[in-house]
Amino acid sequence: WNSMNTVFFAPGSTISAVEIFQNELFVGGCGFMVKDTVGNDLYLNYTGIWNGAFWSEIPGGKPNGCVSSIIFNNELYVGGDFGVAGGVSVYNIARWDGMQWKSCEVGTYGAINTFELDTANHKLYVGGGFPYVANSDSVGIYCQGIAIWNGVKWEAFPEVLPSGNTNCLAIYHGKLYTGSGPTRFSAWNGKHWEQIIGIDILDAITALCV
């Protein structure tokens, strides 16, 4: 293992998300500090870039709160618990095109925990602890912990997810699986949510991977 010159300098400091963007590793988290090119402490806090040898800050600013999920979908999508990204007002989600930050319409009314990209249907599934999402022309769309970003606007699933909070997402055999609190492991079959039975989970589901 290589330490990548990272120093977690405060209790509760985390790195929660990584994604490759323009041949560099884009890293998100909360309260982390690293070493710069000459060995000085660099307080990245929420986001940073690792080029394989050195750390750097993101040109054009960064989110002003913790980042929990990052995914590439033509642009780099960053989700978490923040209200500003590079000086742009956002609601917990922002897009980075390599030059500047942009909002996703209004955003989510609560923190984002996870992303999953549906390349077949050109949709980005967004999960978290939010009851609503909003577009600039709407007062709020009830979605209860999971919503769809179609690249232009927010949409809700036709049926509300029973758990009301989403920790993780994964697409497997054409179904969208969600994990949340104890006993809450569900799948979207294209028409409604199915609760996965035959599994005994006493604590929260925090990660899914195919």
N, C-alpha and C. Protein backbone atom coordinates (compact mmCIF):
# COMPACT_ATOMS: atom_id res chain seq x y z
N TRP A 1 0.83 -1.19 0.00
CA TRP A 1 0.00 0.00 0.00
C TRP A 1 0.87 1.25 0.00
N ASN A 2 0.36 2.33 -0.66
CA ASN A 2 1.03 3.61 -0.69
C ASN A 2 0.15 4.63 0.02
N SER A 3 0.73 5.43 0.88
CA SER A 3 -0.07 6.38 1.69
C SER A 3 -0.62 7.54 0.87
N MET A 4 -0.07 7.80 -0.32
CA MET A 4 -0.50 8.91 -1.17
C MET A 4 -0.37 10.25 -0.45
N ASN A 5 0.53 10.31 0.54
CA ASN A 5 0.81 11.55 1.27
C ASN A 5 -0.42 12.14 1.98
N THR A 6 -1.39 11.31 2.29
CA THR A 6 -2.59 11.81 2.93
C THR A 6 -2.47 11.76 4.44
N VAL A 7 -2.90 12.84 5.11
CA VAL A 7 -2.94 12.89 6.56
C VAL A 7 -4.37 13.22 6.98
N PHE A 8 -5.00 12.30 7.72
CA PHE A 8 -6.31 12.59 8.27
C PHE A 8 -6.09 13.28 9.61
N PHE A 9 -6.32 14.59 9.62
CA PHE A 9 -5.81 15.38 10.73
C PHE A 9 -6.81 15.63 11.84
N ALA A 10 -8.07 15.26 11.68
CA ALA A 10 -9.07 15.56 12.70
C ALA A 10 -9.98 14.36 12.91
N PRO A 11 -10.48 14.18 14.13
CA PRO A 11 -11.44 13.10 14.37
C PRO A 11 -12.65 13.23 13.45
N GLY A 12 -13.05 12.13 12.85
CA GLY A 12 -14.18 12.16 11.93
C GLY A 12 -13.82 12.49 10.51
N SER A 13 -12.55 12.77 10.22
CA SER A 13 -12.13 13.06 8.85
C SER A 13 -12.31 11.82 7.98
N THR A 14 -12.81 12.01 6.77
CA THR A 14 -13.08 10.87 5.90
C THR A 14 -12.80 11.21 4.44
N ILE A 15 -12.49 10.18 3.67
CA ILE A 15 -12.60 10.24 2.22
C ILE A 15 -13.71 9.27 1.84
N SER A 16 -14.74 9.80 1.22
CA SER A 16 -15.96 9.02 0.97
C SER A 16 -16.17 8.65 -0.49
N ALA A 17 -15.49 9.32 -1.41
CA ALA A 17 -15.77 9.09 -2.82
C ALA A 17 -14.54 9.37 -3.67
N VAL A 18 -14.36 8.57 -4.72
CA VAL A 18 -13.28 8.80 -5.69
C VAL A 18 -13.82 8.53 -7.10
N GLU A 19 -13.31 9.26 -8.07
CA GLU A 19 -13.72 9.07 -9.46
C GLU A 19 -12.62 9.60 -10.37
N ILE A 20 -12.38 8.90 -11.48
CA ILE A 20 -11.39 9.35 -12.46
C ILE A 20 -12.02 10.38 -13.38
N PHE A 21 -11.31 11.50 -13.57
CA PHE A 21 -11.79 12.57 -14.43
C PHE A 21 -10.58 13.22 -15.09
N GLN A 22 -10.56 13.21 -16.43
CA GLN A 22 -9.47 13.79 -17.20
C GLN A 22 -8.11 13.24 -16.75
N ASN A 23 -8.06 11.90 -16.59
CA ASN A 23 -6.85 11.17 -16.26
C ASN A 23 -6.27 11.50 -14.88
N GLU A 24 -7.09 12.07 -14.02
CA GLU A 24 -6.69 12.32 -12.64
C GLU A 24 -7.77 11.78 -11.71
N LEU A 25 -7.39 11.58 -10.45
CA LEU A 25 -8.32 11.03 -9.47
C LEU A 25 -8.94 12.17 -8.67
N PHE A 26 -10.24 12.29 -8.80
CA PHE A 26 -11.00 13.32 -8.10
C PHE A 26 -11.50 12.69 -6.80
N VAL A 27 -11.19 13.33 -5.67
CA VAL A 27 -11.45 12.74 -4.35
C VAL A 27 -12.37 13.67 -3.55
N GLY A 28 -13.36 13.07 -2.89
CA GLY A 28 -14.28 13.84 -2.06
C GLY A 28 -14.40 13.25 -0.67
N GLY A 29 -14.68 14.11 0.29
CA GLY A 29 -14.82 13.65 1.67
C GLY A 29 -15.13 14.80 2.60
N CYS A 30 -14.57 14.70 3.81
CA CYS A 30 -14.86 15.73 4.81
C CYS A 30 -13.67 15.86 5.76
N GLY A 31 -13.06 17.03 5.78
CA GLY A 31 -12.04 17.34 6.74
C GLY A 31 -10.72 16.63 6.56
N PHE A 32 -10.20 16.54 5.32
CA PHE A 32 -8.91 15.87 5.15
C PHE A 32 -7.82 16.84 4.65
N MET A 33 -6.61 16.57 5.08
CA MET A 33 -5.47 17.40 4.74
C MET A 33 -4.40 16.52 4.10
N VAL A 34 -3.66 17.07 3.14
CA VAL A 34 -2.64 16.31 2.42
C VAL A 34 -1.35 17.13 2.34
N LYS A 35 -0.35 16.59 1.65
CA LYS A 35 0.90 17.31 1.41
C LYS A 35 0.93 17.82 -0.03
N ASP A 36 1.39 19.05 -0.22
CA ASP A 36 1.49 19.59 -1.58
C ASP A 36 2.81 19.16 -2.21
N THR A 37 3.16 19.76 -3.36
CA THR A 37 4.32 19.32 -4.14
C THR A 37 5.66 19.55 -3.43
N VAL A 38 5.68 20.45 -2.46
CA VAL A 38 6.93 20.71 -1.73
C VAL A 38 6.86 20.22 -0.29
N GLY A 39 5.82 19.45 0.02
CA GLY A 39 5.72 18.84 1.33
C GLY A 39 5.00 19.64 2.39
N ASN A 40 4.43 20.76 2.00
CA ASN A 40 3.66 21.56 2.95
C ASN A 40 2.24 21.01 3.11
N ASP A 41 1.64 21.26 4.25
CA ASP A 41 0.27 20.84 4.49
C ASP A 41 -0.69 21.60 3.58
N LEU A 42 -1.58 20.87 2.94
CA LEU A 42 -2.59 21.46 2.07
C LEU A 42 -3.96 21.02 2.58
N TYR A 43 -4.73 21.97 3.06
CA TYR A 43 -6.03 21.69 3.65
C TYR A 43 -7.09 21.64 2.54
N LEU A 44 -7.34 20.44 2.02
CA LEU A 44 -8.33 20.28 0.95
C LEU A 44 -9.74 20.27 1.50
N ASN A 45 -9.91 19.66 2.65
CA ASN A 45 -11.19 19.59 3.36
C ASN A 45 -12.23 18.73 2.68
N TYR A 46 -12.80 19.17 1.54
CA TYR A 46 -13.93 18.46 0.94
C TYR A 46 -13.63 17.80 -0.40
N THR A 47 -12.74 18.37 -1.20
CA THR A 47 -12.42 17.80 -2.51
C THR A 47 -10.97 18.09 -2.87
N GLY A 48 -10.37 17.18 -3.64
CA GLY A 48 -9.01 17.39 -4.11
C GLY A 48 -8.72 16.52 -5.32
N ILE A 49 -7.58 16.75 -5.94
CA ILE A 49 -7.17 16.02 -7.15
C ILE A 49 -5.82 15.35 -6.89
N TRP A 50 -5.74 14.06 -7.20
CA TRP A 50 -4.50 13.29 -7.09
C TRP A 50 -4.08 12.89 -8.50
N ASN A 51 -2.87 13.29 -8.93
CA ASN A 51 -2.41 13.02 -10.30
C ASN A 51 -1.49 11.81 -10.39
N GLY A 52 -1.40 11.06 -9.30
CA GLY A 52 -0.53 9.90 -9.26
C GLY A 52 0.75 10.16 -8.51
N ALA A 53 1.06 11.43 -8.30
CA ALA A 53 2.28 11.80 -7.57
C ALA A 53 2.03 12.89 -6.53
N PHE A 54 1.15 13.85 -6.88
CA PHE A 54 0.93 14.99 -6.01
C PHE A 54 -0.56 15.34 -5.91
N TRP A 55 -0.89 16.03 -4.83
CA TRP A 55 -2.24 16.54 -4.61
C TRP A 55 -2.35 17.99 -5.06
N SER A 56 -3.54 18.40 -5.45
CA SER A 56 -3.79 19.81 -5.77
C SER A 56 -5.26 20.12 -5.50
N GLU A 57 -5.53 21.40 -5.39
CA GLU A 57 -6.91 21.85 -5.23
C GLU A 57 -7.59 21.92 -6.60
N ILE A 58 -8.91 21.95 -6.59
CA ILE A 58 -9.67 22.05 -7.82
C ILE A 58 -9.68 23.49 -8.30
N PRO A 59 -9.28 23.76 -9.52
CA PRO A 59 -9.35 25.13 -10.03
C PRO A 59 -10.80 25.62 -10.05
N GLY A 60 -11.02 26.82 -9.60
CA GLY A 60 -12.37 27.37 -9.64
C GLY A 60 -13.18 27.14 -8.38
N GLY A 61 -12.52 26.68 -7.30
CA GLY A 61 -13.23 26.53 -6.05
C GLY A 61 -13.71 25.12 -5.81
N LYS A 62 -14.47 24.94 -4.73
CA LYS A 62 -14.92 23.62 -4.32
C LYS A 62 -16.22 23.74 -3.54
N PRO A 63 -16.90 22.61 -3.27
CA PRO A 63 -18.09 22.65 -2.42
C PRO A 63 -17.73 23.12 -1.01
N ASN A 64 -18.70 23.74 -0.34
CA ASN A 64 -18.44 24.27 1.00
C ASN A 64 -18.92 23.33 2.10
N GLY A 65 -19.12 22.04 1.76
CA GLY A 65 -19.54 21.06 2.74
C GLY A 65 -19.10 19.67 2.32
N CYS A 66 -19.40 18.70 3.15
CA CYS A 66 -18.92 17.33 2.94
C CYS A 66 -19.45 16.71 1.65
N VAL A 67 -18.57 15.97 0.98
CA VAL A 67 -18.90 15.28 -0.27
C VAL A 67 -18.96 13.78 0.01
N SER A 68 -20.05 13.13 -0.40
CA SER A 68 -20.24 11.71 -0.11
C SER A 68 -20.24 10.84 -1.36
N SER A 69 -20.45 11.44 -2.54
CA SER A 69 -20.53 10.63 -3.75
C SER A 69 -20.08 11.44 -4.96
N ILE A 70 -19.35 10.78 -5.88
CA ILE A 70 -18.88 11.40 -7.12
C ILE A 70 -19.08 10.40 -8.25
N ILE A 71 -19.54 10.89 -9.39
CA ILE A 71 -19.70 10.01 -10.56
C ILE A 71 -19.49 10.81 -11.83
N PHE A 72 -18.94 10.16 -12.85
CA PHE A 72 -18.74 10.82 -14.14
C PHE A 72 -19.90 10.49 -15.07
N ASN A 73 -20.52 11.54 -15.62
CA ASN A 73 -21.60 11.40 -16.59
C ASN A 73 -21.49 12.57 -17.56
N ASN A 74 -20.52 12.49 -18.47
CA ASN A 74 -20.14 13.59 -19.37
C ASN A 74 -19.48 14.73 -18.60
N GLU A 75 -20.00 15.04 -17.44
CA GLU A 75 -19.37 15.96 -16.51
C GLU A 75 -19.20 15.21 -15.19
N LEU A 76 -18.49 15.82 -14.26
CA LEU A 76 -18.30 15.19 -12.96
C LEU A 76 -19.40 15.67 -12.02
N TYR A 77 -20.20 14.74 -11.53
CA TYR A 77 -21.28 15.06 -10.59
C TYR A 77 -20.79 14.80 -9.17
N VAL A 78 -21.03 15.76 -8.31
CA VAL A 78 -20.60 15.68 -6.91
C VAL A 78 -21.82 15.88 -6.02
N GLY A 79 -22.03 14.96 -5.09
CA GLY A 79 -23.17 15.04 -4.19
C GLY A 79 -22.73 14.97 -2.74
N GLY A 80 -23.52 15.56 -1.86
CA GLY A 80 -23.20 15.54 -0.44
C GLY A 80 -24.12 16.43 0.34
N ASP A 81 -23.51 17.24 1.21
CA ASP A 81 -24.28 18.14 2.08
C ASP A 81 -23.63 19.51 2.01
N PHE A 82 -23.98 20.28 0.99
CA PHE A 82 -23.37 21.60 0.78
C PHE A 82 -24.33 22.51 0.02
N GLY A 83 -24.07 23.82 0.13
CA GLY A 83 -24.95 24.80 -0.49
C GLY A 83 -24.29 25.70 -1.51
N VAL A 84 -22.96 25.57 -1.64
CA VAL A 84 -22.21 26.38 -2.61
C VAL A 84 -21.12 25.51 -3.19
N ALA A 85 -20.86 25.64 -4.49
CA ALA A 85 -19.73 24.96 -5.14
C ALA A 85 -19.04 25.97 -6.05
N GLY A 86 -17.83 26.36 -5.68
CA GLY A 86 -17.09 27.33 -6.48
C GLY A 86 -17.81 28.65 -6.65
N GLY A 87 -18.53 29.08 -5.63
CA GLY A 87 -19.26 30.33 -5.68
C GLY A 87 -20.65 30.24 -6.29
N VAL A 88 -21.02 29.05 -6.79
CA VAL A 88 -22.34 28.84 -7.40
C VAL A 88 -23.29 28.27 -6.34
N SER A 89 -24.45 28.86 -6.21
CA SER A 89 -25.44 28.38 -5.25
C SER A 89 -26.05 27.08 -5.75
N VAL A 90 -26.01 26.05 -4.91
CA VAL A 90 -26.54 24.73 -5.27
C VAL A 90 -27.26 24.14 -4.06
N TYR A 91 -27.95 23.03 -4.31
CA TYR A 91 -28.60 22.29 -3.23
C TYR A 91 -28.08 20.86 -3.23
N ASN A 92 -26.90 20.68 -2.62
CA ASN A 92 -26.34 19.35 -2.34
C ASN A 92 -25.82 18.57 -3.54
N ILE A 93 -25.90 19.13 -4.74
CA ILE A 93 -25.39 18.48 -5.93
C ILE A 93 -24.88 19.55 -6.89
N ALA A 94 -23.73 19.25 -7.54
CA ALA A 94 -23.17 20.19 -8.50
C ALA A 94 -22.43 19.42 -9.59
N ARG A 95 -22.22 20.09 -10.72
CA ARG A 95 -21.50 19.49 -11.85
C ARG A 95 -20.23 20.29 -12.12
N TRP A 96 -19.14 19.55 -12.38
CA TRP A 96 -17.85 20.17 -12.69
C TRP A 96 -17.46 19.75 -14.10
N ASP A 97 -17.27 20.71 -15.02
CA ASP A 97 -16.95 20.39 -16.40
C ASP A 97 -15.46 20.48 -16.71
N GLY A 98 -14.66 20.64 -15.67
CA GLY A 98 -13.22 20.81 -15.84
C GLY A 98 -12.79 22.26 -15.78
N MET A 99 -13.77 23.17 -15.89
CA MET A 99 -13.47 24.60 -15.86
C MET A 99 -14.28 25.33 -14.80
N GLN A 100 -15.55 24.95 -14.68
CA GLN A 100 -16.43 25.66 -13.76
C GLN A 100 -17.50 24.74 -13.18
N TRP A 101 -18.08 25.18 -12.06
CA TRP A 101 -19.17 24.48 -11.41
C TRP A 101 -20.51 24.95 -11.94
N LYS A 102 -21.47 24.03 -12.03
CA LYS A 102 -22.82 24.35 -12.45
C LYS A 102 -23.81 23.64 -11.55
N SER A 103 -24.99 24.20 -11.41
CA SER A 103 -26.03 23.58 -10.60
C SER A 103 -26.79 22.55 -11.43
N CYS A 104 -27.57 21.72 -10.75
CA CYS A 104 -28.51 20.80 -11.39
C CYS A 104 -29.92 21.29 -11.08
N GLU A 105 -30.36 22.27 -11.88
CA GLU A 105 -31.60 22.96 -11.56
C GLU A 105 -31.51 23.45 -10.11
N VAL A 106 -32.51 23.15 -9.26
CA VAL A 106 -32.41 23.55 -7.85
C VAL A 106 -31.58 22.52 -7.09
N GLY A 107 -32.05 21.25 -7.08
CA GLY A 107 -31.31 20.19 -6.40
C GLY A 107 -32.17 19.42 -5.43
N THR A 108 -31.55 18.90 -4.37
CA THR A 108 -32.25 18.06 -3.41
C THR A 108 -32.42 18.81 -2.09
N TYR A 109 -33.57 18.60 -1.45
CA TYR A 109 -33.82 19.23 -0.14
C TYR A 109 -33.36 18.29 0.97
N GLY A 110 -32.08 18.04 1.00
CA GLY A 110 -31.47 17.14 1.98
C GLY A 110 -30.22 16.54 1.39
N ALA A 111 -29.41 15.93 2.24
CA ALA A 111 -28.10 15.42 1.82
C ALA A 111 -28.20 14.25 0.86
N ILE A 112 -27.22 14.16 -0.04
CA ILE A 112 -27.10 13.05 -1.00
C ILE A 112 -26.06 12.06 -0.48
N ASN A 113 -26.39 10.77 -0.57
CA ASN A 113 -25.48 9.72 -0.14
C ASN A 113 -24.82 8.97 -1.29
N THR A 114 -25.52 8.86 -2.43
CA THR A 114 -25.04 7.93 -3.46
C THR A 114 -25.57 8.29 -4.83
N PHE A 115 -24.82 7.86 -5.87
CA PHE A 115 -25.22 7.98 -7.27
C PHE A 115 -25.16 6.59 -7.92
N GLU A 116 -25.97 6.41 -8.96
CA GLU A 116 -25.82 5.25 -9.84
C GLU A 116 -26.22 5.68 -11.24
N LEU A 117 -25.37 5.40 -12.22
CA LEU A 117 -25.61 5.83 -13.59
C LEU A 117 -26.26 4.70 -14.39
N ASP A 118 -27.38 5.01 -15.02
CA ASP A 118 -28.09 4.08 -15.90
C ASP A 118 -27.75 4.48 -17.34
N THR A 119 -26.72 3.87 -17.89
CA THR A 119 -26.27 4.24 -19.23
C THR A 119 -27.26 3.83 -20.32
N ALA A 120 -28.02 2.76 -20.08
CA ALA A 120 -28.98 2.30 -21.07
C ALA A 120 -30.11 3.28 -21.26
N ASN A 121 -30.54 3.91 -20.17
CA ASN A 121 -31.68 4.83 -20.23
C ASN A 121 -31.27 6.29 -20.07
N HIS A 122 -29.96 6.54 -20.01
CA HIS A 122 -29.42 7.90 -19.93
C HIS A 122 -29.99 8.66 -18.74
N LYS A 123 -29.93 8.02 -17.58
CA LYS A 123 -30.43 8.63 -16.36
C LYS A 123 -29.42 8.47 -15.23
N LEU A 124 -29.42 9.45 -14.33
CA LEU A 124 -28.60 9.38 -13.13
C LEU A 124 -29.53 9.23 -11.94
N TYR A 125 -29.38 8.11 -11.22
CA TYR A 125 -30.18 7.89 -10.02
C TYR A 125 -29.44 8.48 -8.83
N VAL A 126 -30.17 9.20 -8.01
CA VAL A 126 -29.59 9.91 -6.88
C VAL A 126 -30.32 9.48 -5.61
N GLY A 127 -29.56 9.04 -4.61
CA GLY A 127 -30.15 8.59 -3.36
C GLY A 127 -29.61 9.36 -2.17
N GLY A 128 -30.44 9.46 -1.14
CA GLY A 128 -30.02 10.16 0.07
C GLY A 128 -31.12 10.26 1.09
N GLY A 129 -31.04 11.29 1.92
CA GLY A 129 -32.02 11.49 2.97
C GLY A 129 -32.95 12.65 2.70
N PHE A 130 -33.24 12.90 1.46
CA PHE A 130 -34.05 14.06 1.08
C PHE A 130 -35.50 13.66 0.76
N PRO A 131 -36.48 14.42 1.21
CA PRO A 131 -37.87 14.12 0.87
C PRO A 131 -38.31 14.70 -0.47
N TYR A 132 -37.62 15.76 -0.94
CA TYR A 132 -38.02 16.45 -2.15
C TYR A 132 -36.80 16.78 -3.02
N VAL A 133 -37.05 16.91 -4.32
CA VAL A 133 -36.13 17.55 -5.26
C VAL A 133 -36.89 18.68 -5.93
N ALA A 134 -36.17 19.57 -6.60
CA ALA A 134 -36.86 20.70 -7.23
C ALA A 134 -36.15 21.15 -8.49
N ASN A 135 -36.95 21.49 -9.50
CA ASN A 135 -36.48 22.18 -10.69
C ASN A 135 -36.76 23.66 -10.52
N SER A 136 -36.21 24.48 -11.39
CA SER A 136 -36.40 25.92 -11.27
C SER A 136 -37.85 26.33 -11.49
N ASP A 137 -38.62 25.49 -12.18
CA ASP A 137 -40.02 25.81 -12.45
C ASP A 137 -40.99 25.02 -11.58
N SER A 138 -40.51 24.43 -10.48
CA SER A 138 -41.39 23.65 -9.60
C SER A 138 -41.07 23.97 -8.15
N VAL A 139 -42.07 23.85 -7.29
CA VAL A 139 -41.88 24.15 -5.87
C VAL A 139 -41.30 22.97 -5.12
N GLY A 140 -41.39 21.79 -5.67
CA GLY A 140 -40.86 20.61 -5.01
C GLY A 140 -41.52 19.35 -5.52
N ILE A 141 -40.73 18.34 -5.76
CA ILE A 141 -41.23 17.05 -6.25
C ILE A 141 -40.99 16.02 -5.16
N TYR A 142 -42.06 15.44 -4.64
CA TYR A 142 -41.94 14.46 -3.56
C TYR A 142 -41.31 13.18 -4.10
N CYS A 143 -40.22 12.74 -3.46
CA CYS A 143 -39.50 11.58 -3.97
C CYS A 143 -39.03 10.63 -2.88
N GLN A 144 -38.95 11.08 -1.66
CA GLN A 144 -38.68 10.26 -0.49
C GLN A 144 -37.39 9.44 -0.60
N GLY A 145 -36.28 10.12 -0.77
CA GLY A 145 -34.98 9.47 -0.66
C GLY A 145 -34.34 8.97 -1.93
N ILE A 146 -35.03 9.04 -3.06
CA ILE A 146 -34.43 8.62 -4.32
C ILE A 146 -35.10 9.37 -5.47
N ALA A 147 -34.28 9.88 -6.41
CA ALA A 147 -34.81 10.66 -7.51
C ALA A 147 -34.00 10.39 -8.77
N ILE A 148 -34.51 10.92 -9.88
CA ILE A 148 -33.89 10.72 -11.19
C ILE A 148 -33.49 12.07 -11.78
N TRP A 149 -32.24 12.18 -12.19
CA TRP A 149 -31.78 13.35 -12.95
C TRP A 149 -31.61 12.90 -14.39
N ASN A 150 -32.40 13.49 -15.31
CA ASN A 150 -32.38 13.05 -16.71
C ASN A 150 -31.41 13.84 -17.57
N GLY A 151 -30.58 14.63 -16.93
CA GLY A 151 -29.62 15.46 -17.64
C GLY A 151 -30.08 16.88 -17.82
N VAL A 152 -31.38 17.09 -17.65
CA VAL A 152 -31.96 18.42 -17.79
C VAL A 152 -32.79 18.80 -16.57
N LYS A 153 -33.61 17.84 -16.11
CA LYS A 153 -34.51 18.11 -14.99
C LYS A 153 -34.60 16.91 -14.05
N TRP A 154 -35.18 17.18 -12.87
CA TRP A 154 -35.43 16.14 -11.89
C TRP A 154 -36.77 15.45 -12.13
N GLU A 155 -36.81 14.16 -11.84
CA GLU A 155 -38.03 13.38 -11.90
C GLU A 155 -38.12 12.50 -10.65
N ALA A 156 -39.34 12.13 -10.29
CA ALA A 156 -39.56 11.16 -9.21
C ALA A 156 -39.93 9.81 -9.80
N PHE A 157 -39.68 8.75 -9.05
CA PHE A 157 -40.16 7.44 -9.46
C PHE A 157 -41.68 7.42 -9.34
N PRO A 158 -42.36 6.62 -10.16
CA PRO A 158 -43.83 6.56 -10.08
C PRO A 158 -44.35 6.07 -8.73
N GLU A 159 -43.49 5.36 -7.99
CA GLU A 159 -43.89 4.82 -6.69
C GLU A 159 -42.83 5.21 -5.67
N VAL A 160 -43.26 5.61 -4.48
CA VAL A 160 -42.34 6.06 -3.44
C VAL A 160 -41.61 4.86 -2.84
N LEU A 161 -40.32 5.02 -2.62
CA LEU A 161 -39.51 3.98 -1.98
C LEU A 161 -39.94 3.85 -0.52
N PRO A 162 -40.27 2.64 -0.05
CA PRO A 162 -40.79 2.48 1.31
C PRO A 162 -39.86 2.98 2.42
N SER A 163 -38.56 2.82 2.24
CA SER A 163 -37.64 3.17 3.34
C SER A 163 -37.53 4.67 3.56
N GLY A 164 -37.64 5.46 2.50
CA GLY A 164 -37.54 6.90 2.63
C GLY A 164 -36.13 7.44 2.78
N ASN A 165 -35.14 6.58 2.75
CA ASN A 165 -33.75 7.00 2.83
C ASN A 165 -32.90 5.98 2.06
N THR A 166 -31.95 6.47 1.28
CA THR A 166 -31.14 5.58 0.44
C THR A 166 -29.67 5.79 0.73
N ASN A 167 -28.99 4.72 1.13
CA ASN A 167 -27.55 4.79 1.40
C ASN A 167 -26.70 4.41 0.19
N CYS A 168 -27.21 3.48 -0.63
CA CYS A 168 -26.41 2.97 -1.75
C CYS A 168 -27.32 2.46 -2.86
N LEU A 169 -26.76 2.41 -4.08
CA LEU A 169 -27.51 2.01 -5.27
C LEU A 169 -26.63 1.14 -6.15
N ALA A 170 -27.26 0.22 -6.89
CA ALA A 170 -26.54 -0.57 -7.90
C ALA A 170 -27.55 -1.14 -8.89
N ILE A 171 -27.18 -1.18 -10.16
CA ILE A 171 -28.00 -1.80 -11.19
C ILE A 171 -27.49 -3.21 -11.43
N TYR A 172 -28.40 -4.18 -11.35
CA TYR A 172 -28.03 -5.58 -11.50
C TYR A 172 -29.13 -6.32 -12.24
N HIS A 173 -28.80 -6.92 -13.38
CA HIS A 173 -29.76 -7.66 -14.21
C HIS A 173 -31.00 -6.83 -14.53
N GLY A 174 -30.79 -5.58 -14.86
CA GLY A 174 -31.87 -4.71 -15.29
C GLY A 174 -32.70 -4.09 -14.19
N LYS A 175 -32.37 -4.38 -12.94
CA LYS A 175 -33.10 -3.79 -11.82
C LYS A 175 -32.20 -2.85 -11.04
N LEU A 176 -32.82 -1.82 -10.45
CA LEU A 176 -32.10 -0.89 -9.61
C LEU A 176 -32.27 -1.30 -8.16
N TYR A 177 -31.18 -1.67 -7.50
CA TYR A 177 -31.22 -2.11 -6.11
C TYR A 177 -30.84 -0.94 -5.19
N THR A 178 -31.53 -0.87 -4.06
CA THR A 178 -31.27 0.17 -3.08
C THR A 178 -31.05 -0.46 -1.71
N GLY A 179 -30.13 0.12 -0.96
CA GLY A 179 -29.88 -0.31 0.41
C GLY A 179 -30.05 0.87 1.34
N SER A 180 -30.67 0.60 2.49
CA SER A 180 -30.87 1.67 3.46
C SER A 180 -30.76 1.11 4.87
N GLY A 181 -31.80 1.31 5.68
CA GLY A 181 -31.76 0.87 7.07
C GLY A 181 -31.97 -0.62 7.22
N PRO A 182 -32.03 -1.09 8.46
CA PRO A 182 -32.23 -2.52 8.73
C PRO A 182 -33.45 -3.07 7.99
N THR A 183 -33.28 -4.21 7.40
CA THR A 183 -34.31 -4.97 6.65
C THR A 183 -34.75 -4.25 5.38
N ARG A 184 -34.12 -3.15 5.02
CA ARG A 184 -34.55 -2.40 3.84
C ARG A 184 -33.58 -2.61 2.68
N PHE A 185 -33.90 -3.61 1.88
CA PHE A 185 -33.13 -3.93 0.68
C PHE A 185 -34.15 -4.13 -0.43
N SER A 186 -34.23 -3.17 -1.35
CA SER A 186 -35.31 -3.14 -2.34
C SER A 186 -34.78 -3.08 -3.75
N ALA A 187 -35.65 -3.39 -4.71
CA ALA A 187 -35.29 -3.33 -6.13
C ALA A 187 -36.44 -2.73 -6.93
N TRP A 188 -36.09 -1.87 -7.89
CA TRP A 188 -37.07 -1.27 -8.79
C TRP A 188 -37.12 -2.12 -10.06
N ASN A 189 -38.29 -2.67 -10.37
CA ASN A 189 -38.41 -3.57 -11.53
C ASN A 189 -38.94 -2.87 -12.78
N GLY A 190 -39.01 -1.55 -12.72
CA GLY A 190 -39.52 -0.77 -13.84
C GLY A 190 -40.95 -0.33 -13.66
N LYS A 191 -41.65 -0.95 -12.69
CA LYS A 191 -43.05 -0.59 -12.42
C LYS A 191 -43.29 -0.27 -10.94
N HIS A 192 -42.65 -1.07 -10.07
CA HIS A 192 -42.82 -0.83 -8.64
C HIS A 192 -41.62 -1.37 -7.88
N TRP A 193 -41.57 -1.03 -6.58
CA TRP A 193 -40.48 -1.49 -5.73
C TRP A 193 -40.78 -2.88 -5.17
N GLU A 194 -39.78 -3.74 -5.19
CA GLU A 194 -39.88 -5.06 -4.60
C GLU A 194 -38.95 -5.11 -3.38
N GLN A 195 -39.45 -5.57 -2.26
CA GLN A 195 -38.56 -5.76 -1.13
C GLN A 195 -37.92 -7.13 -1.24
N ILE A 196 -36.59 -7.15 -1.12
CA ILE A 196 -35.86 -8.41 -1.23
C ILE A 196 -36.02 -9.20 0.07
N ILE A 197 -36.53 -10.40 -0.05
CA ILE A 197 -36.77 -11.24 1.13
C ILE A 197 -35.70 -12.33 1.22
N GLY A 198 -35.71 -13.05 2.33
CA GLY A 198 -34.74 -14.12 2.52
C GLY A 198 -33.39 -13.63 2.97
N ILE A 199 -33.35 -12.41 3.52
CA ILE A 199 -32.10 -11.84 4.00
C ILE A 199 -32.36 -11.19 5.34
N ASP A 200 -31.49 -11.44 6.30
CA ASP A 200 -31.64 -10.91 7.66
C ASP A 200 -30.54 -9.90 7.92
N ILE A 201 -30.91 -8.63 7.87
CA ILE A 201 -29.94 -7.54 8.05
C ILE A 201 -30.32 -6.77 9.29
N LEU A 202 -29.44 -6.76 10.27
CA LEU A 202 -29.72 -6.12 11.54
C LEU A 202 -29.26 -4.66 11.58
N ASP A 203 -28.43 -4.27 10.64
CA ASP A 203 -27.92 -2.90 10.61
C ASP A 203 -28.12 -2.34 9.21
N ALA A 204 -27.70 -1.11 9.02
CA ALA A 204 -27.89 -0.45 7.74
C ALA A 204 -27.05 -1.07 6.63
N ILE A 205 -27.58 -1.05 5.40
CA ILE A 205 -26.82 -1.43 4.22
C ILE A 205 -26.16 -0.15 3.70
N THR A 206 -24.85 -0.17 3.59
CA THR A 206 -24.12 1.06 3.22
C THR A 206 -23.39 0.98 1.89
N ALA A 207 -23.32 -0.21 1.27
CA ALA A 207 -22.61 -0.32 0.00
C ALA A 207 -23.15 -1.46 -0.83
N LEU A 208 -23.25 -1.26 -2.15
CA LEU A 208 -23.60 -2.29 -3.12
C LEU A 208 -22.64 -2.19 -4.28
N CYS A 209 -22.27 -3.32 -4.87
CA CYS A 209 -21.37 -3.29 -6.02
C CYS A 209 -21.63 -4.49 -6.91
N VAL A 210 -21.59 -4.29 -8.20
CA VAL A 210 -21.76 -5.36 -9.17
C VAL A 210 -20.41 -5.62 -9.84
